[in-house]
Amino acid sequence: MKNVMSKGFWLIFLLLGLAGCGGPSLTPLTEDGVILAFGDSLTQGVGAGEGQDYPAVLAQFAGLEVANAGRSGEQTAEGLKRLPQVLAAKQPDLLLLLEGGNDILRNRPTQSIKANLGEMIALAQEQGIDVVLIGVPEKKLFSSTAPLYRELAEEHGVLLVDDLIGELLRTPSLKSDPVHLNAEGYRALAEALDKRLRDAGAY
């Protein structure tokens, strides 16, 4: 039991370290600021119970509204079509973008994935919304974040949370199935993102 707890402690320490790497700063959010979590099933919270998805847990850590706009199975082309309506409805100050996993699993062309995500980032930036891009691993065993995410972050000047999803998905105790997290995994994701946002000056 002690050994399991020790492994859990060091994993969280590692995840927080990964989430705390350098990058652009964020505009401080006001008390009524809104964070929009946009993405696929990892945002929706598939694999965990109600209220255990990462946006719900992040809202508790941050003390701010975090709107969950996750849609299971969504690919980037679909997300690009959906995002304008969600932005108009939620009027967020900060966008957490975690998408592309379904494209990668289905072997969609890298340039198409990158182009779609790039348009999403540009759409938010045109409205004065800060963007945090959350990298998704390549379709390989023990893979790190697909290079396209780093390229996008550099090209658009946005904050990248790198390798966090990959580390979580490489940890069996944090997963509900091969591609989804469980409640503990989503909590670890929320905790690491909370630290990253604080370090970047969001709140």
N, C-alpha and C. Protein backbone atom coordinates (compact mmCIF):
# COMPACT_ATOMS: atom_id res chain seq x y z
N MET A 1 0.84 -1.21 0.00
CA MET A 1 0.00 0.00 0.00
C MET A 1 0.87 1.26 0.00
N LYS A 2 1.92 1.23 0.86
CA LYS A 2 2.82 2.36 0.93
C LYS A 2 3.51 2.59 -0.39
N ASN A 3 3.89 1.49 -1.07
CA ASN A 3 4.56 1.60 -2.35
C ASN A 3 3.65 2.22 -3.40
N VAL A 4 2.36 1.83 -3.40
CA VAL A 4 1.39 2.38 -4.34
C VAL A 4 1.22 3.87 -4.12
N MET A 5 1.12 4.27 -2.83
CA MET A 5 0.96 5.68 -2.51
C MET A 5 2.17 6.48 -2.95
N SER A 6 3.36 5.89 -2.76
CA SER A 6 4.58 6.56 -3.17
C SER A 6 4.61 6.78 -4.68
N LYS A 7 4.22 5.73 -5.44
CA LYS A 7 4.18 5.87 -6.89
C LYS A 7 3.19 6.95 -7.30
N GLY A 8 2.05 6.99 -6.62
CA GLY A 8 1.05 8.00 -6.94
C GLY A 8 1.55 9.40 -6.68
N PHE A 9 2.28 9.57 -5.57
CA PHE A 9 2.83 10.88 -5.23
C PHE A 9 3.81 11.35 -6.29
N TRP A 10 4.71 10.46 -6.70
CA TRP A 10 5.72 10.85 -7.67
C TRP A 10 5.12 11.10 -9.04
N LEU A 11 4.04 10.38 -9.36
CA LEU A 11 3.37 10.62 -10.64
C LEU A 11 2.77 12.01 -10.67
N ILE A 12 2.06 12.38 -9.59
CA ILE A 12 1.47 13.72 -9.54
C ILE A 12 2.56 14.78 -9.60
N PHE A 13 3.66 14.53 -8.89
CA PHE A 13 4.80 15.46 -8.92
C PHE A 13 5.32 15.64 -10.34
N LEU A 14 5.43 14.53 -11.08
CA LEU A 14 5.90 14.56 -12.46
C LEU A 14 4.93 15.33 -13.34
N LEU A 15 3.64 15.07 -13.18
CA LEU A 15 2.63 15.72 -14.01
C LEU A 15 2.62 17.23 -13.76
N LEU A 16 2.74 17.61 -12.51
CA LEU A 16 2.76 19.03 -12.20
C LEU A 16 4.01 19.68 -12.79
N GLY A 17 5.11 18.94 -12.79
CA GLY A 17 6.33 19.46 -13.39
C GLY A 17 6.18 19.65 -14.88
N LEU A 18 5.55 18.67 -15.54
CA LEU A 18 5.32 18.78 -16.98
C LEU A 18 4.43 19.96 -17.29
N ALA A 19 3.42 20.17 -16.44
CA ALA A 19 2.48 21.26 -16.69
C ALA A 19 3.08 22.61 -16.37
N GLY A 20 4.19 22.63 -15.64
CA GLY A 20 4.74 23.90 -15.20
C GLY A 20 5.89 24.42 -16.04
N CYS A 21 6.12 23.85 -17.21
CA CYS A 21 7.21 24.33 -18.06
C CYS A 21 6.90 25.74 -18.58
N GLY A 22 7.92 26.43 -19.09
CA GLY A 22 7.77 27.81 -19.51
C GLY A 22 6.88 27.98 -20.73
N GLY A 23 6.56 29.24 -21.00
CA GLY A 23 5.72 29.53 -22.15
C GLY A 23 5.10 30.90 -22.00
N PRO A 24 4.24 31.31 -22.93
CA PRO A 24 3.61 32.62 -22.87
C PRO A 24 2.78 32.79 -21.60
N SER A 25 2.67 34.03 -21.15
CA SER A 25 1.81 34.32 -20.01
C SER A 25 0.38 34.52 -20.49
N LEU A 26 -0.55 34.49 -19.55
CA LEU A 26 -1.96 34.64 -19.86
C LEU A 26 -2.51 35.90 -19.20
N THR A 27 -3.55 36.47 -19.79
CA THR A 27 -4.21 37.63 -19.22
C THR A 27 -4.93 37.22 -17.94
N PRO A 28 -4.73 37.90 -16.82
CA PRO A 28 -5.41 37.52 -15.57
C PRO A 28 -6.93 37.57 -15.73
N LEU A 29 -7.57 36.53 -15.22
CA LEU A 29 -9.03 36.45 -15.27
C LEU A 29 -9.64 37.18 -14.08
N THR A 30 -10.78 37.80 -14.30
CA THR A 30 -11.51 38.43 -13.21
C THR A 30 -12.32 37.37 -12.47
N GLU A 31 -12.95 37.76 -11.37
CA GLU A 31 -13.72 36.82 -10.57
C GLU A 31 -14.88 36.20 -11.36
N ASP A 32 -15.40 36.96 -12.33
CA ASP A 32 -16.49 36.43 -13.15
C ASP A 32 -16.00 35.93 -14.51
N GLY A 33 -14.69 35.71 -14.61
CA GLY A 33 -14.13 35.20 -15.86
C GLY A 33 -14.61 33.79 -16.17
N VAL A 34 -14.65 33.48 -17.46
CA VAL A 34 -15.15 32.17 -17.92
C VAL A 34 -14.05 31.45 -18.69
N ILE A 35 -13.82 30.21 -18.29
CA ILE A 35 -12.89 29.34 -19.01
C ILE A 35 -13.72 28.34 -19.81
N LEU A 36 -13.40 28.19 -21.09
CA LEU A 36 -14.09 27.22 -21.93
C LEU A 36 -13.18 26.04 -22.20
N ALA A 37 -13.59 24.85 -21.76
CA ALA A 37 -12.86 23.61 -22.05
C ALA A 37 -13.51 22.98 -23.28
N PHE A 38 -12.80 23.01 -24.39
CA PHE A 38 -13.36 22.54 -25.66
C PHE A 38 -12.56 21.34 -26.15
N GLY A 39 -13.28 20.29 -26.58
CA GLY A 39 -12.58 19.12 -27.08
C GLY A 39 -13.48 17.93 -27.29
N ASP A 40 -12.89 16.75 -27.15
CA ASP A 40 -13.63 15.51 -27.42
C ASP A 40 -13.97 14.80 -26.11
N SER A 41 -13.87 13.46 -26.11
CA SER A 41 -14.28 12.68 -24.95
C SER A 41 -13.43 12.92 -23.72
N LEU A 42 -12.16 13.29 -23.90
CA LEU A 42 -11.32 13.57 -22.74
C LEU A 42 -11.75 14.84 -22.02
N THR A 43 -12.40 15.73 -22.74
CA THR A 43 -12.98 16.91 -22.12
C THR A 43 -14.36 16.60 -21.56
N GLN A 44 -15.15 15.86 -22.31
CA GLN A 44 -16.49 15.49 -21.85
C GLN A 44 -16.43 14.70 -20.55
N GLY A 45 -15.38 13.86 -20.41
CA GLY A 45 -15.23 13.10 -19.18
C GLY A 45 -15.62 11.65 -19.30
N VAL A 46 -15.59 11.11 -20.50
CA VAL A 46 -15.92 9.69 -20.69
C VAL A 46 -14.98 8.83 -19.85
N GLY A 47 -15.58 7.91 -19.10
CA GLY A 47 -14.80 7.03 -18.23
C GLY A 47 -14.91 7.37 -16.76
N ALA A 48 -15.56 8.48 -16.46
CA ALA A 48 -15.75 8.90 -15.07
C ALA A 48 -17.20 9.28 -14.85
N GLY A 49 -17.58 9.44 -13.60
CA GLY A 49 -18.96 9.78 -13.26
C GLY A 49 -19.26 11.26 -13.40
N GLU A 50 -20.49 11.60 -13.17
CA GLU A 50 -20.92 13.00 -13.26
C GLU A 50 -20.15 13.86 -12.26
N GLY A 51 -19.67 15.00 -12.73
CA GLY A 51 -18.93 15.89 -11.86
C GLY A 51 -17.48 15.51 -11.65
N GLN A 52 -17.03 14.45 -12.33
CA GLN A 52 -15.64 14.00 -12.19
C GLN A 52 -14.80 14.31 -13.43
N ASP A 53 -15.39 14.96 -14.42
CA ASP A 53 -14.65 15.37 -15.61
C ASP A 53 -13.66 16.46 -15.24
N TYR A 54 -12.63 16.65 -16.05
CA TYR A 54 -11.59 17.60 -15.67
C TYR A 54 -12.09 19.05 -15.59
N PRO A 55 -13.01 19.52 -16.47
CA PRO A 55 -13.48 20.89 -16.31
C PRO A 55 -14.19 21.13 -14.98
N ALA A 56 -14.98 20.16 -14.53
CA ALA A 56 -15.69 20.31 -13.25
C ALA A 56 -14.71 20.38 -12.08
N VAL A 57 -13.68 19.54 -12.13
CA VAL A 57 -12.68 19.54 -11.05
C VAL A 57 -11.83 20.81 -11.12
N LEU A 58 -11.47 21.24 -12.33
CA LEU A 58 -10.70 22.47 -12.49
C LEU A 58 -11.47 23.67 -11.95
N ALA A 59 -12.77 23.70 -12.14
CA ALA A 59 -13.59 24.80 -11.63
C ALA A 59 -13.47 24.88 -10.10
N GLN A 60 -13.40 23.73 -9.45
CA GLN A 60 -13.25 23.71 -7.99
C GLN A 60 -11.90 24.26 -7.58
N PHE A 61 -10.85 23.87 -8.29
CA PHE A 61 -9.51 24.36 -7.98
C PHE A 61 -9.39 25.86 -8.23
N ALA A 62 -9.93 26.30 -9.36
CA ALA A 62 -9.74 27.69 -9.78
C ALA A 62 -10.71 28.66 -9.13
N GLY A 63 -11.86 28.16 -8.69
CA GLY A 63 -12.89 29.04 -8.15
C GLY A 63 -13.53 29.90 -9.23
N LEU A 64 -13.53 29.38 -10.45
CA LEU A 64 -14.08 30.10 -11.60
C LEU A 64 -15.01 29.18 -12.39
N GLU A 65 -15.81 29.78 -13.26
CA GLU A 65 -16.65 28.97 -14.14
C GLU A 65 -15.80 28.33 -15.22
N VAL A 66 -15.92 27.02 -15.35
CA VAL A 66 -15.25 26.29 -16.43
C VAL A 66 -16.32 25.53 -17.19
N ALA A 67 -16.66 26.01 -18.37
CA ALA A 67 -17.72 25.40 -19.17
C ALA A 67 -17.18 24.18 -19.90
N ASN A 68 -17.88 23.07 -19.78
CA ASN A 68 -17.47 21.83 -20.45
C ASN A 68 -18.15 21.75 -21.82
N ALA A 69 -17.34 21.91 -22.87
CA ALA A 69 -17.84 21.79 -24.24
C ALA A 69 -17.18 20.62 -24.94
N GLY A 70 -17.09 19.50 -24.23
CA GLY A 70 -16.52 18.29 -24.81
C GLY A 70 -17.57 17.48 -25.54
N ARG A 71 -17.18 16.88 -26.64
CA ARG A 71 -18.10 16.04 -27.42
C ARG A 71 -17.38 14.77 -27.83
N SER A 72 -17.84 13.66 -27.30
CA SER A 72 -17.19 12.38 -27.54
C SER A 72 -17.16 12.03 -29.03
N GLY A 73 -16.01 11.55 -29.48
CA GLY A 73 -15.85 11.12 -30.87
C GLY A 73 -15.57 12.21 -31.86
N GLU A 74 -15.55 13.45 -31.42
CA GLU A 74 -15.39 14.56 -32.35
C GLU A 74 -13.98 14.61 -32.93
N GLN A 75 -13.91 14.92 -34.22
CA GLN A 75 -12.65 15.16 -34.90
C GLN A 75 -12.50 16.67 -35.14
N THR A 76 -11.31 17.09 -35.51
CA THR A 76 -11.04 18.52 -35.59
C THR A 76 -11.89 19.25 -36.63
N ALA A 77 -12.20 18.59 -37.72
CA ALA A 77 -13.05 19.24 -38.74
C ALA A 77 -14.42 19.55 -38.17
N GLU A 78 -14.95 18.64 -37.35
CA GLU A 78 -16.24 18.86 -36.71
C GLU A 78 -16.13 19.92 -35.62
N GLY A 79 -15.02 19.88 -34.89
CA GLY A 79 -14.81 20.87 -33.84
C GLY A 79 -14.71 22.28 -34.40
N LEU A 80 -14.06 22.41 -35.55
CA LEU A 80 -13.92 23.71 -36.19
C LEU A 80 -15.29 24.29 -36.56
N LYS A 81 -16.20 23.44 -37.00
CA LYS A 81 -17.55 23.88 -37.35
C LYS A 81 -18.35 24.26 -36.10
N ARG A 82 -18.11 23.56 -35.01
CA ARG A 82 -18.89 23.76 -33.79
C ARG A 82 -18.41 24.93 -32.94
N LEU A 83 -17.11 25.21 -32.99
CA LEU A 83 -16.52 26.20 -32.09
C LEU A 83 -17.15 27.59 -32.17
N PRO A 84 -17.45 28.15 -33.36
CA PRO A 84 -18.00 29.51 -33.38
C PRO A 84 -19.28 29.67 -32.56
N GLN A 85 -20.16 28.68 -32.65
CA GLN A 85 -21.42 28.76 -31.89
C GLN A 85 -21.17 28.66 -30.39
N VAL A 86 -20.20 27.83 -30.00
CA VAL A 86 -19.90 27.69 -28.57
C VAL A 86 -19.27 28.97 -28.03
N LEU A 87 -18.37 29.56 -28.78
CA LEU A 87 -17.77 30.82 -28.35
C LEU A 87 -18.83 31.91 -28.20
N ALA A 88 -19.76 31.96 -29.14
CA ALA A 88 -20.82 32.97 -29.08
C ALA A 88 -21.72 32.75 -27.87
N ALA A 89 -21.98 31.50 -27.54
CA ALA A 89 -22.88 31.20 -26.44
C ALA A 89 -22.22 31.40 -25.07
N LYS A 90 -20.95 31.01 -24.94
CA LYS A 90 -20.27 31.05 -23.65
C LYS A 90 -19.50 32.33 -23.38
N GLN A 91 -19.09 33.04 -24.43
CA GLN A 91 -18.32 34.27 -24.29
C GLN A 91 -17.14 34.09 -23.32
N PRO A 92 -16.26 33.14 -23.59
CA PRO A 92 -15.18 32.85 -22.64
C PRO A 92 -14.05 33.88 -22.71
N ASP A 93 -13.27 33.89 -21.65
CA ASP A 93 -12.06 34.71 -21.60
C ASP A 93 -10.82 33.88 -21.90
N LEU A 94 -10.95 32.57 -21.72
CA LEU A 94 -9.82 31.66 -21.92
C LEU A 94 -10.34 30.36 -22.51
N LEU A 95 -9.65 29.86 -23.53
CA LEU A 95 -10.02 28.61 -24.19
C LEU A 95 -8.96 27.55 -23.92
N LEU A 96 -9.39 26.41 -23.36
CA LEU A 96 -8.54 25.24 -23.21
C LEU A 96 -8.89 24.29 -24.35
N LEU A 97 -7.97 24.09 -25.27
CA LEU A 97 -8.25 23.32 -26.48
C LEU A 97 -7.55 21.97 -26.41
N LEU A 98 -8.34 20.93 -26.28
CA LEU A 98 -7.82 19.56 -26.20
C LEU A 98 -8.55 18.72 -27.25
N GLU A 99 -7.99 18.71 -28.45
CA GLU A 99 -8.65 18.00 -29.54
C GLU A 99 -7.60 17.49 -30.54
N GLY A 100 -7.98 16.48 -31.30
CA GLY A 100 -7.09 15.91 -32.29
C GLY A 100 -6.83 14.43 -32.07
N GLY A 101 -7.19 13.93 -30.89
CA GLY A 101 -6.96 12.52 -30.60
C GLY A 101 -7.71 11.58 -31.52
N ASN A 102 -8.95 11.92 -31.83
CA ASN A 102 -9.74 11.06 -32.72
C ASN A 102 -9.21 11.09 -34.14
N ASP A 103 -8.70 12.24 -34.56
CA ASP A 103 -8.07 12.33 -35.88
C ASP A 103 -6.84 11.42 -35.94
N ILE A 104 -6.02 11.49 -34.88
CA ILE A 104 -4.80 10.69 -34.85
C ILE A 104 -5.12 9.21 -34.84
N LEU A 105 -6.12 8.81 -34.07
CA LEU A 105 -6.51 7.39 -34.01
C LEU A 105 -7.01 6.89 -35.36
N ARG A 106 -7.59 7.80 -36.14
CA ARG A 106 -8.14 7.42 -37.45
C ARG A 106 -7.18 7.75 -38.60
N ASN A 107 -5.97 8.06 -38.26
CA ASN A 107 -4.91 8.31 -39.26
C ASN A 107 -5.24 9.43 -40.23
N ARG A 108 -5.89 10.48 -39.73
CA ARG A 108 -6.15 11.64 -40.58
C ARG A 108 -4.82 12.33 -40.91
N PRO A 109 -4.74 12.98 -42.07
CA PRO A 109 -3.49 13.65 -42.45
C PRO A 109 -3.07 14.70 -41.42
N THR A 110 -1.81 14.69 -41.10
CA THR A 110 -1.29 15.63 -40.11
C THR A 110 -1.57 17.07 -40.48
N GLN A 111 -1.40 17.41 -41.74
CA GLN A 111 -1.62 18.79 -42.17
C GLN A 111 -3.08 19.22 -42.00
N SER A 112 -4.00 18.29 -42.18
CA SER A 112 -5.42 18.61 -41.98
C SER A 112 -5.71 18.88 -40.51
N ILE A 113 -5.15 18.04 -39.64
CA ILE A 113 -5.34 18.23 -38.20
C ILE A 113 -4.77 19.59 -37.78
N LYS A 114 -3.57 19.86 -38.23
CA LYS A 114 -2.91 21.11 -37.88
C LYS A 114 -3.67 22.32 -38.41
N ALA A 115 -4.16 22.22 -39.63
CA ALA A 115 -4.90 23.34 -40.23
C ALA A 115 -6.20 23.62 -39.46
N ASN A 116 -6.91 22.56 -39.10
CA ASN A 116 -8.17 22.72 -38.36
C ASN A 116 -7.92 23.34 -36.98
N LEU A 117 -6.93 22.82 -36.27
CA LEU A 117 -6.61 23.37 -34.96
C LEU A 117 -6.12 24.81 -35.07
N GLY A 118 -5.34 25.08 -36.11
CA GLY A 118 -4.86 26.44 -36.32
C GLY A 118 -6.00 27.42 -36.53
N GLU A 119 -7.01 27.00 -37.27
CA GLU A 119 -8.17 27.88 -37.50
C GLU A 119 -8.94 28.10 -36.21
N MET A 120 -9.02 27.07 -35.36
CA MET A 120 -9.71 27.22 -34.07
C MET A 120 -8.98 28.24 -33.20
N ILE A 121 -7.65 28.12 -33.16
CA ILE A 121 -6.85 29.05 -32.36
C ILE A 121 -7.02 30.47 -32.88
N ALA A 122 -6.94 30.63 -34.19
CA ALA A 122 -7.07 31.96 -34.79
C ALA A 122 -8.44 32.55 -34.52
N LEU A 123 -9.47 31.73 -34.58
CA LEU A 123 -10.83 32.20 -34.33
C LEU A 123 -10.95 32.77 -32.93
N ALA A 124 -10.38 32.08 -31.96
CA ALA A 124 -10.43 32.57 -30.58
C ALA A 124 -9.60 33.84 -30.42
N GLN A 125 -8.40 33.84 -30.98
CA GLN A 125 -7.52 34.99 -30.84
C GLN A 125 -8.12 36.24 -31.48
N GLU A 126 -8.83 36.07 -32.58
CA GLU A 126 -9.48 37.22 -33.23
C GLU A 126 -10.51 37.87 -32.32
N GLN A 127 -11.03 37.09 -31.36
CA GLN A 127 -12.03 37.61 -30.42
C GLN A 127 -11.40 38.01 -29.09
N GLY A 128 -10.07 38.05 -29.06
CA GLY A 128 -9.38 38.45 -27.84
C GLY A 128 -9.37 37.41 -26.75
N ILE A 129 -9.54 36.14 -27.13
CA ILE A 129 -9.59 35.04 -26.16
C ILE A 129 -8.23 34.36 -26.10
N ASP A 130 -7.66 34.28 -24.91
CA ASP A 130 -6.41 33.55 -24.73
C ASP A 130 -6.65 32.06 -24.99
N VAL A 131 -5.64 31.38 -25.51
CA VAL A 131 -5.75 29.96 -25.84
C VAL A 131 -4.64 29.17 -25.15
N VAL A 132 -5.02 28.07 -24.55
CA VAL A 132 -4.07 27.09 -24.03
C VAL A 132 -4.27 25.81 -24.83
N LEU A 133 -3.24 25.38 -25.51
CA LEU A 133 -3.30 24.18 -26.35
C LEU A 133 -2.75 23.00 -25.56
N ILE A 134 -3.54 21.93 -25.48
CA ILE A 134 -3.14 20.74 -24.73
C ILE A 134 -2.76 19.66 -25.73
N GLY A 135 -1.50 19.26 -25.71
CA GLY A 135 -0.98 18.32 -26.70
C GLY A 135 -1.51 16.91 -26.53
N VAL A 136 -1.67 16.23 -27.66
CA VAL A 136 -2.16 14.85 -27.71
C VAL A 136 -1.03 13.97 -28.27
N PRO A 137 -0.82 12.79 -27.68
CA PRO A 137 0.28 11.94 -28.15
C PRO A 137 0.04 11.33 -29.53
N GLU A 138 1.14 10.96 -30.16
CA GLU A 138 1.07 10.27 -31.44
C GLU A 138 0.52 8.86 -31.24
N LYS A 139 0.17 8.22 -32.34
CA LYS A 139 -0.39 6.87 -32.29
C LYS A 139 0.73 5.83 -32.26
N LYS A 140 1.50 5.86 -31.18
CA LYS A 140 2.61 4.94 -31.01
C LYS A 140 2.68 4.56 -29.54
N LEU A 141 3.21 3.39 -29.26
CA LEU A 141 3.38 2.95 -27.89
C LEU A 141 4.38 3.86 -27.18
N PHE A 142 4.00 4.33 -26.00
CA PHE A 142 4.85 5.20 -25.18
C PHE A 142 5.24 6.48 -25.92
N SER A 143 4.34 6.98 -26.76
CA SER A 143 4.67 8.15 -27.57
C SER A 143 4.52 9.44 -26.78
N SER A 144 5.21 10.47 -27.23
CA SER A 144 5.08 11.80 -26.67
C SER A 144 4.12 12.60 -27.55
N THR A 145 3.93 13.86 -27.20
CA THR A 145 2.99 14.70 -27.94
C THR A 145 3.36 14.79 -29.42
N ALA A 146 2.35 14.71 -30.28
CA ALA A 146 2.58 14.84 -31.72
C ALA A 146 3.23 16.19 -32.01
N PRO A 147 4.25 16.23 -32.85
CA PRO A 147 4.99 17.48 -33.12
C PRO A 147 4.11 18.63 -33.60
N LEU A 148 2.98 18.33 -34.22
CA LEU A 148 2.15 19.40 -34.77
C LEU A 148 1.68 20.37 -33.68
N TYR A 149 1.55 19.88 -32.43
CA TYR A 149 1.09 20.76 -31.35
C TYR A 149 2.16 21.79 -30.99
N ARG A 150 3.40 21.37 -30.96
CA ARG A 150 4.47 22.32 -30.68
C ARG A 150 4.60 23.34 -31.80
N GLU A 151 4.43 22.86 -33.03
CA GLU A 151 4.49 23.76 -34.18
C GLU A 151 3.38 24.81 -34.10
N LEU A 152 2.18 24.37 -33.76
CA LEU A 152 1.05 25.30 -33.64
C LEU A 152 1.28 26.32 -32.54
N ALA A 153 1.78 25.86 -31.40
CA ALA A 153 2.02 26.77 -30.28
C ALA A 153 3.02 27.85 -30.66
N GLU A 154 4.06 27.47 -31.38
CA GLU A 154 5.07 28.44 -31.80
C GLU A 154 4.51 29.40 -32.84
N GLU A 155 3.78 28.86 -33.80
CA GLU A 155 3.26 29.69 -34.88
C GLU A 155 2.22 30.70 -34.40
N HIS A 156 1.41 30.31 -33.42
CA HIS A 156 0.33 31.19 -32.95
C HIS A 156 0.64 31.87 -31.62
N GLY A 157 1.80 31.56 -31.05
CA GLY A 157 2.19 32.19 -29.80
C GLY A 157 1.30 31.85 -28.63
N VAL A 158 0.85 30.60 -28.57
CA VAL A 158 -0.04 30.20 -27.48
C VAL A 158 0.69 29.28 -26.50
N LEU A 159 0.13 29.18 -25.33
CA LEU A 159 0.68 28.33 -24.29
C LEU A 159 0.39 26.87 -24.62
N LEU A 160 1.42 26.04 -24.55
CA LEU A 160 1.27 24.61 -24.82
C LEU A 160 1.48 23.82 -23.53
N VAL A 161 0.53 22.95 -23.22
CA VAL A 161 0.71 21.99 -22.13
C VAL A 161 1.16 20.69 -22.81
N ASP A 162 2.43 20.40 -22.66
CA ASP A 162 3.08 19.36 -23.45
C ASP A 162 3.26 18.07 -22.66
N ASP A 163 2.96 16.94 -23.28
CA ASP A 163 3.22 15.60 -22.76
C ASP A 163 2.38 15.18 -21.55
N LEU A 164 1.51 16.05 -21.07
CA LEU A 164 0.68 15.71 -19.92
C LEU A 164 -0.29 14.58 -20.23
N ILE A 165 -1.01 14.68 -21.35
CA ILE A 165 -1.97 13.64 -21.72
C ILE A 165 -1.27 12.31 -21.93
N GLY A 166 -0.12 12.34 -22.58
CA GLY A 166 0.63 11.12 -22.81
C GLY A 166 1.03 10.43 -21.52
N GLU A 167 1.50 11.20 -20.54
CA GLU A 167 1.89 10.62 -19.26
C GLU A 167 0.70 10.01 -18.55
N LEU A 168 -0.41 10.68 -18.59
CA LEU A 168 -1.62 10.14 -17.96
C LEU A 168 -2.06 8.83 -18.61
N LEU A 169 -2.05 8.81 -19.93
CA LEU A 169 -2.51 7.62 -20.65
C LEU A 169 -1.51 6.47 -20.58
N ARG A 170 -0.31 6.75 -20.16
CA ARG A 170 0.67 5.68 -19.96
C ARG A 170 0.63 5.12 -18.54
N THR A 171 -0.34 5.59 -17.75
CA THR A 171 -0.45 5.17 -16.35
C THR A 171 -1.73 4.36 -16.17
N PRO A 172 -1.67 3.04 -16.15
CA PRO A 172 -2.87 2.19 -16.11
C PRO A 172 -3.84 2.53 -14.98
N SER A 173 -3.33 2.90 -13.82
CA SER A 173 -4.21 3.18 -12.68
C SER A 173 -5.06 4.43 -12.87
N LEU A 174 -4.74 5.25 -13.87
CA LEU A 174 -5.49 6.49 -14.13
C LEU A 174 -6.44 6.37 -15.32
N LYS A 175 -6.57 5.15 -15.87
CA LYS A 175 -7.37 4.96 -17.09
C LYS A 175 -8.59 4.07 -16.84
N SER A 176 -9.65 4.38 -17.57
CA SER A 176 -10.86 3.55 -17.52
C SER A 176 -10.87 2.55 -18.68
N ASP A 177 -10.15 2.86 -19.75
CA ASP A 177 -10.00 1.99 -20.91
C ASP A 177 -8.75 2.48 -21.66
N PRO A 178 -8.40 1.89 -22.79
CA PRO A 178 -7.14 2.27 -23.44
C PRO A 178 -6.99 3.74 -23.82
N VAL A 179 -8.10 4.45 -24.05
CA VAL A 179 -7.97 5.83 -24.52
C VAL A 179 -8.66 6.86 -23.63
N HIS A 180 -9.23 6.44 -22.50
CA HIS A 180 -9.92 7.38 -21.62
C HIS A 180 -9.40 7.28 -20.19
N LEU A 181 -9.52 8.37 -19.48
CA LEU A 181 -9.10 8.42 -18.09
C LEU A 181 -10.24 7.99 -17.17
N ASN A 182 -9.91 7.70 -15.92
CA ASN A 182 -10.93 7.48 -14.90
C ASN A 182 -11.01 8.74 -14.04
N ALA A 183 -11.79 8.68 -12.97
CA ALA A 183 -11.97 9.87 -12.13
C ALA A 183 -10.65 10.37 -11.58
N GLU A 184 -9.78 9.47 -11.14
CA GLU A 184 -8.48 9.86 -10.61
C GLU A 184 -7.62 10.51 -11.70
N GLY A 185 -7.72 9.97 -12.91
CA GLY A 185 -6.95 10.53 -14.01
C GLY A 185 -7.40 11.92 -14.38
N TYR A 186 -8.72 12.14 -14.42
CA TYR A 186 -9.22 13.48 -14.74
C TYR A 186 -8.87 14.48 -13.64
N ARG A 187 -8.85 14.00 -12.41
CA ARG A 187 -8.46 14.89 -11.31
C ARG A 187 -6.99 15.28 -11.44
N ALA A 188 -6.14 14.31 -11.80
CA ALA A 188 -4.73 14.62 -12.01
C ALA A 188 -4.55 15.61 -13.15
N LEU A 189 -5.34 15.45 -14.21
CA LEU A 189 -5.30 16.38 -15.34
C LEU A 189 -5.70 17.78 -14.90
N ALA A 190 -6.78 17.87 -14.14
CA ALA A 190 -7.26 19.17 -13.66
C ALA A 190 -6.24 19.83 -12.74
N GLU A 191 -5.63 19.04 -11.87
CA GLU A 191 -4.65 19.59 -10.93
C GLU A 191 -3.43 20.14 -11.66
N ALA A 192 -2.96 19.40 -12.65
CA ALA A 192 -1.81 19.85 -13.42
C ALA A 192 -2.14 21.10 -14.24
N LEU A 193 -3.32 21.14 -14.82
CA LEU A 193 -3.72 22.32 -15.59
C LEU A 193 -3.89 23.53 -14.69
N ASP A 194 -4.44 23.31 -13.50
CA ASP A 194 -4.61 24.40 -12.55
C ASP A 194 -3.25 25.03 -12.22
N LYS A 195 -2.26 24.21 -11.98
CA LYS A 195 -0.92 24.73 -11.69
C LYS A 195 -0.36 25.49 -12.89
N ARG A 196 -0.57 24.94 -14.08
CA ARG A 196 -0.05 25.59 -15.29
C ARG A 196 -0.69 26.95 -15.49
N LEU A 197 -2.00 27.04 -15.28
CA LEU A 197 -2.71 28.30 -15.46
C LEU A 197 -2.26 29.32 -14.42
N ARG A 198 -2.05 28.86 -13.19
CA ARG A 198 -1.58 29.77 -12.14
C ARG A 198 -0.18 30.27 -12.46
N ASP A 199 0.68 29.37 -12.90
CA ASP A 199 2.05 29.77 -13.23
C ASP A 199 2.09 30.78 -14.37
N ALA A 200 1.11 30.67 -15.27
CA ALA A 200 1.06 31.57 -16.43
C ALA A 200 0.34 32.88 -16.12
N GLY A 201 -0.17 33.01 -14.88
CA GLY A 201 -0.79 34.26 -14.46
C GLY A 201 -2.26 34.41 -14.75
N ALA A 202 -2.95 33.27 -15.07
CA ALA A 202 -4.36 33.35 -15.40
C ALA A 202 -5.20 33.74 -14.18
N TYR A 203 -4.78 33.29 -12.99
CA TYR A 203 -5.47 33.65 -11.74
C TYR A 203 -4.56 33.39 -10.55
